[in-house]
C-alpha atoms as a PDB file:
ATOM      1  CA  MET A   1      35.627 -30.694  -9.546  1.00  0.00           C
ATOM      2  CA  ASP A   2      36.718 -33.609 -10.319  1.00  0.00           C
ATOM      3  CA  PRO A   3      39.664 -35.152  -8.406  1.00  0.00           C
ATOM      4  CA  LEU A   4      42.580 -33.665 -10.190  1.00  0.00           C
ATOM      5  CA  ASP A   5      44.055 -35.764 -12.976  1.00  0.00           C
ATOM      6  CA  PRO A   6      47.984 -35.607 -13.713  1.00  0.00           C
ATOM      7  CA  PHE A   7      47.662 -32.306 -16.004  1.00  0.00           C
ATOM      8  CA  SER A   8      45.501 -30.388 -13.354  1.00  0.00           C
ATOM      9  CA  LEU A   9      48.448 -31.253 -11.299  1.00  0.00           C
ATOM     10  CA  ARG A  10      51.186 -30.304 -13.298  1.00  0.00           C
ATOM     11  CA  ILE A  11      49.354 -27.031 -13.857  1.00  0.00           C
ATOM     12  CA  LEU A  12      49.265 -26.360 -10.301  1.00  0.00           C
ATOM     13  CA  ALA A  13      52.598 -27.120 -10.002  1.00  0.00           C
ATOM     14  CA  GLU A  14      53.500 -24.956 -12.728  1.00  0.00           C
ATOM     15  CA  LEU A  15      51.585 -22.198 -11.425  1.00  0.00           C
ATOM     16  CA  GLN A  16      53.055 -22.492  -7.857  1.00  0.00           C
ATOM     17  CA  ARG A  17      56.456 -22.255  -8.983  1.00  0.00           C
ATOM     18  CA  ASP A  18      55.333 -19.097 -11.185  1.00  0.00           C
ATOM     19  CA  ALA A  19      52.089 -17.489 -11.408  1.00  0.00           C
ATOM     20  CA  ARG A  20      52.707 -14.615 -13.893  1.00  0.00           C
ATOM     21  CA  GLN A  21      53.931 -17.100 -16.430  1.00  0.00           C
ATOM     22  CA  THR A  22      51.442 -16.947 -19.250  1.00  0.00           C
ATOM     23  CA  ILE A  23      48.242 -19.997 -20.085  1.00  0.00           C
ATOM     24  CA  GLN A  24      50.717 -20.919 -23.662  1.00  0.00           C
ATOM     25  CA  LYS A  25      54.323 -20.968 -21.735  1.00  0.00           C
ATOM     26  CA  ILE A  26      52.164 -23.315 -18.534  1.00  0.00           C
ATOM     27  CA  ALA A  27      50.900 -25.682 -21.573  1.00  0.00           C
ATOM     28  CA  ASP A  28      53.168 -26.155 -23.167  1.00  0.00           C
ATOM     29  CA  LYS A  29      55.300 -27.581 -20.307  1.00  0.00           C
ATOM     30  CA  VAL A  30      52.831 -29.740 -19.218  1.00  0.00           C
ATOM     31  CA  GLY A  31      51.705 -31.049 -22.926  1.00  0.00           C
ATOM     32  CA  LEU A  32      48.379 -28.943 -23.528  1.00  0.00           C
ATOM     33  CA  THR A  33      47.260 -26.500 -25.828  1.00  0.00           C
ATOM     34  CA  SER A  34      46.588 -23.208 -24.590  1.00  0.00           C
ATOM     35  CA  THR A  35      42.626 -23.403 -24.714  1.00  0.00           C
ATOM     36  CA  PRO A  36      42.142 -26.387 -22.532  1.00  0.00           C
ATOM     37  CA  CYS A  37      44.893 -25.415 -20.252  1.00  0.00           C
ATOM     38  CA  TRP A  38      42.789 -21.739 -19.784  1.00  0.00           C
ATOM     39  CA  ARG A  39      39.965 -23.595 -18.868  1.00  0.00           C
ATOM     40  CA  ARG A  40      41.374 -25.941 -16.182  1.00  0.00           C
ATOM     41  CA  VAL A  41      43.001 -23.168 -15.011  1.00  0.00           C
ATOM     42  CA  LYS A  42      39.792 -21.186 -14.623  1.00  0.00           C
ATOM     43  CA  ASP A  43      38.062 -24.535 -13.723  1.00  0.00           C
ATOM     44  CA  MET A  44      40.159 -24.647 -10.784  1.00  0.00           C
ATOM     45  CA  GLU A  45      39.720 -21.521  -9.574  1.00  0.00           C
ATOM     46  CA  GLU A  46      36.408 -21.560  -9.810  1.00  0.00           C
ATOM     47  CA  ALA A  47      36.100 -24.887  -8.097  1.00  0.00           C
ATOM     48  CA  GLY A  48      38.227 -22.785  -4.955  1.00  0.00           C
ATOM     49  CA  VAL A  49      41.447 -25.377  -5.581  1.00  0.00           C
ATOM     50  CA  ILE A  50      43.075 -21.869  -6.565  1.00  0.00           C
ATOM     51  CA  ARG A  51      42.042 -19.615  -3.659  1.00  0.00           C
ATOM     52  CA  SER A  52      44.375 -16.290  -5.699  1.00  0.00           C
ATOM     53  CA  TYR A  53      47.671 -15.203  -6.890  1.00  0.00           C
ATOM     54  CA  ALA A  54      50.009 -13.405  -4.365  1.00  0.00           C
ATOM     55  CA  ALA A  55      54.100 -12.221  -4.705  1.00  0.00           C
ATOM     56  CA  LEU A  56      56.552 -13.675  -1.966  1.00  0.00           C
ATOM     57  CA  VAL A  57      57.086 -10.393  -0.530  1.00  0.00           C
ATOM     58  CA  ASP A  58      60.672 -10.286   1.587  1.00  0.00           C
ATOM     59  CA  ARG A  59      59.319  -8.837   5.024  1.00  0.00           C
ATOM     60  CA  GLU A  60      63.560  -7.707   6.391  1.00  0.00           C
ATOM     61  CA  LYS A  61      63.363  -5.728   3.035  1.00  0.00           C
ATOM     62  CA  LEU A  62      60.070  -4.085   4.194  1.00  0.00           C
ATOM     63  CA  GLY A  63      61.488  -3.074   7.635  1.00  0.00           C
ATOM     64  CA  LEU A  64      59.432  -5.977   9.916  1.00  0.00           C
ATOM     65  CA  GLN A  65      62.344  -7.489  11.491  1.00  0.00           C
ATOM     66  CA  VAL A  66      60.269  -9.125  13.737  1.00  0.00           C
ATOM     67  CA  CYS A  67      58.569 -12.639  13.362  1.00  0.00           C
ATOM     68  CA  VAL A  68      56.977 -14.145  16.589  1.00  0.00           C
ATOM     69  CA  LEU A  69      55.199 -17.747  17.064  1.00  0.00           C
ATOM     70  CA  ALA A  70      52.717 -16.862  19.565  1.00  0.00           C
ATOM     71  CA  ASP A  71      50.473 -19.184  21.006  1.00  0.00           C
ATOM     72  CA  VAL A  72      47.333 -17.965  22.357  1.00  0.00           C
ATOM     73  CA  HIS A  73      44.873 -19.343  24.741  1.00  0.00           C
ATOM     74  CA  LEU A  74      41.081 -18.397  25.734  1.00  0.00           C
ATOM     75  CA  THR A  75      38.853 -18.210  28.217  1.00  0.00           C
ATOM     76  CA  ARG A  76      36.042 -18.990  27.173  1.00  0.00           C
ATOM     77  CA  HIS A  77      35.251 -21.454  24.444  1.00  0.00           C
ATOM     78  CA  ALA A  78      31.816 -20.162  24.004  1.00  0.00           C
ATOM     79  CA  GLU A  79      30.421 -20.042  20.092  1.00  0.00           C
ATOM     80  CA  ASP A  80      29.778 -15.990  19.961  1.00  0.00           C
ATOM     81  CA  THR A  81      33.980 -15.734  21.660  1.00  0.00           C
ATOM     82  CA  VAL A  82      35.799 -17.533  19.012  1.00  0.00           C
ATOM     83  CA  SER A  83      32.909 -16.123  16.396  1.00  0.00           C
ATOM     84  CA  ARG A  84      34.307 -12.660  18.032  1.00  0.00           C
ATOM     85  CA  PHE A  85      38.155 -13.183  18.289  1.00  0.00           C
ATOM     86  CA  GLU A  86      38.247 -15.062  14.860  1.00  0.00           C
ATOM     87  CA  GLN A  87      36.733 -11.709  13.233  1.00  0.00           C
ATOM     88  CA  ALA A  88      38.990  -9.873  15.063  1.00  0.00           C
ATOM     89  CA  VAL A  89      42.495 -11.963  14.412  1.00  0.00           C
ATOM     90  CA  ALA A  90      41.673 -11.699  10.344  1.00  0.00           C
ATOM     91  CA  ALA A  91      41.117  -7.947  10.253  1.00  0.00           C
ATOM     92  CA  CYS A  92      44.381  -7.920  12.559  1.00  0.00           C
ATOM     93  CA  PRO A  93      47.658  -6.830   9.940  1.00  0.00           C
ATOM     94  CA  GLN A  94      50.289  -7.808  12.214  1.00  0.00           C
ATOM     95  CA  ILE A  95      48.904 -11.455  12.400  1.00  0.00           C
ATOM     96  CA  ILE A  96      49.709 -12.845   9.011  1.00  0.00           C
ATOM     97  CA  GLU A  97      48.992 -16.688  10.100  1.00  0.00           C
ATOM     98  CA  CYS A  98      46.425 -17.868  12.616  1.00  0.00           C
ATOM     99  CA  TYR A  99      45.572 -21.720  13.608  1.00  0.00           C
ATOM    100  CA  SER A 100      43.236 -23.027  15.844  1.00  0.00           C
ATOM    101  CA  THR A 101      45.194 -26.103  17.065  1.00  0.00           C
ATOM    102  CA  THR A 102      45.242 -29.100  19.514  1.00  0.00           C
ATOM    103  CA  GLY A 103      47.449 -29.401  22.518  1.00  0.00           C
ATOM    104  CA  GLU A 104      47.879 -26.710  24.823  1.00  0.00           C
ATOM    105  CA  ALA A 105      47.628 -23.653  23.004  1.00  0.00           C
ATOM    106  CA  ASP A 106      43.580 -22.794  21.700  1.00  0.00           C
ATOM    107  CA  TYR A 107      45.618 -20.909  18.177  1.00  0.00           C
ATOM    108  CA  VAL A 108      48.987 -20.195  16.820  1.00  0.00           C
ATOM    109  CA  TRP A 109      49.654 -17.175  15.970  1.00  0.00           C
ATOM    110  CA  LYS A 110      52.731 -15.914  13.541  1.00  0.00           C
ATOM    111  CA  VAL A 111      52.582 -11.968  13.590  1.00  0.00           C
ATOM    112  CA  VAL A 112      55.018  -9.536  12.327  1.00  0.00           C
ATOM    113  CA  THR A 113      55.900  -5.860  13.304  1.00  0.00           C
ATOM    114  CA  PRO A 114      58.963  -3.898  12.935  1.00  0.00           C
ATOM    115  CA  ASP A 115      60.779  -4.087  16.260  1.00  0.00           C
ATOM    116  CA  ILE A 116      60.417  -6.049  19.925  1.00  0.00           C
ATOM    117  CA  ARG A 117      59.110  -2.607  21.249  1.00  0.00           C
ATOM    118  CA  ALA A 118      56.106  -2.468  18.084  1.00  0.00           C
ATOM    119  CA  TYR A 119      55.403  -5.956  19.015  1.00  0.00           C
ATOM    120  CA  ASP A 120      54.932  -4.567  22.572  1.00  0.00           C
ATOM    121  CA  GLN A 121      52.603  -2.628  21.888  1.00  0.00           C
ATOM    122  CA  PHE A 122      50.579  -5.038  19.383  1.00  0.00           C
ATOM    123  CA  LEU A 123      50.367  -6.708  22.697  1.00  0.00           C
ATOM    124  CA  HIS A 124      49.234  -4.371  24.946  1.00  0.00           C
ATOM    125  CA  GLU A 125      47.407  -2.087  22.720  1.00  0.00           C
ATOM    126  CA  VAL A 126      45.777  -4.760  19.943  1.00  0.00           C
ATOM    127  CA  ALA A 127      46.612  -8.756  21.245  1.00  0.00           C
ATOM    128  CA  PHE A 128      45.486  -8.745  24.978  1.00  0.00           C
ATOM    129  CA  ASN A 129      42.079  -6.628  24.032  1.00  0.00           C
ATOM    130  CA  LEU A 130      41.026  -9.427  21.567  1.00  0.00           C
ATOM    131  CA  PRO A 131      37.569 -10.564  22.466  1.00  0.00           C
ATOM    132  CA  GLY A 132      38.383 -14.039  24.868  1.00  0.00           C
ATOM    133  CA  VAL A 133      42.086 -13.883  25.600  1.00  0.00           C
ATOM    134  CA  SER A 134      43.224 -15.067  28.658  1.00  0.00           C
ATOM    135  CA  HIS A 135      46.694 -15.394  27.550  1.00  0.00           C
ATOM    136  CA  ILE A 136      49.866 -15.335  25.198  1.00  0.00           C
ATOM    137  CA  ARG A 137      53.414 -17.475  25.099  1.00  0.00           C
ATOM    138  CA  SER A 138      55.093 -15.603  22.473  1.00  0.00           C
ATOM    139  CA  ARG A 139      58.603 -17.185  20.593  1.00  0.00           C
ATOM    140  CA  MET A 140      60.912 -15.083  18.903  1.00  0.00           C
ATOM    141  CA  VAL A 141      61.948 -16.093  15.984  1.00  0.00           C
ATOM    142  CA  LEU A 142      66.150 -16.665  15.544  1.00  0.00           C
ATOM    143  CA  ARG A 143      65.713 -17.235  11.654  1.00  0.00           C
ATOM    144  CA  GLU A 144      63.823 -18.404   9.028  1.00  0.00           C
ATOM    145  CA  ILE A 145      64.989 -22.033   8.223  1.00  0.00           C
ATOM    146  CA  LYS A 146      61.923 -22.243   5.089  1.00  0.00           C
ATOM    147  CA  TYR A 147      59.621 -19.927   4.060  1.00  0.00           C
ATOM    148  CA  GLU A 148      57.902 -21.645   1.534  1.00  0.00           C
ATOM    149  CA  ALA A 149      54.036 -21.579  -0.009  1.00  0.00           C
ATOM    150  CA  ARG A 150      54.016 -24.483  -2.666  1.00  0.00           C
ATOM    151  CA  LEU A 151      51.315 -26.961  -1.334  1.00  0.00           C
ATOM    152  CA  PRO A 152      54.156 -30.483  -1.725  1.00  0.00           C
ATOM    153  CA  LEU A 153      51.056 -31.918  -4.947  1.00  0.00           C
ATOM    154  CA  PRO A 154      50.251 -35.998  -4.977  1.00  0.00           C
ATOM    155  CA  GLU A 155      52.376 -37.749  -7.796  1.00  0.00           C
ATOM    156  CA  ARG A 156      49.862 -39.282 -10.357  1.00  0.00           C
ATOM    157  CA  THR A 157      50.582 -41.074 -12.810  1.00  0.00           C
ATOM    158  CA  ALA A 158      48.131 -40.345 -16.412  1.00  0.00           C
END
């Protein structure tokens, strides 16, 4: 896909604001008719610019009271160990974000559980048994100051 033009960027901004709005409503807001707007959305989906559509859910209202940021250290960085570790992490529902990082930790996780006891159980039954894990340093989140899924889009002029 060619670099995103101002119309595509405005469409992305509208979709990030509210992905449930109709193509016609988006088209009206960005200054296009519905057919070219729909085509741009389809092109961005096919190119992987738009990966999926989702609802932001309040974790606390689902009973997930504990949120933890964890620094994860591996014993070995062999390709097979890393691959098995990353596959296991991808399959673990409590780990909602995982990043390979520079610095002291090899990975940083965001983990959610109903309570501290459930987090302790997760550590002992799941996390410490993942391939290659040597140790985990946990930081409990006291308050979420900002929880945002929207990406900052570049400012472009026509």
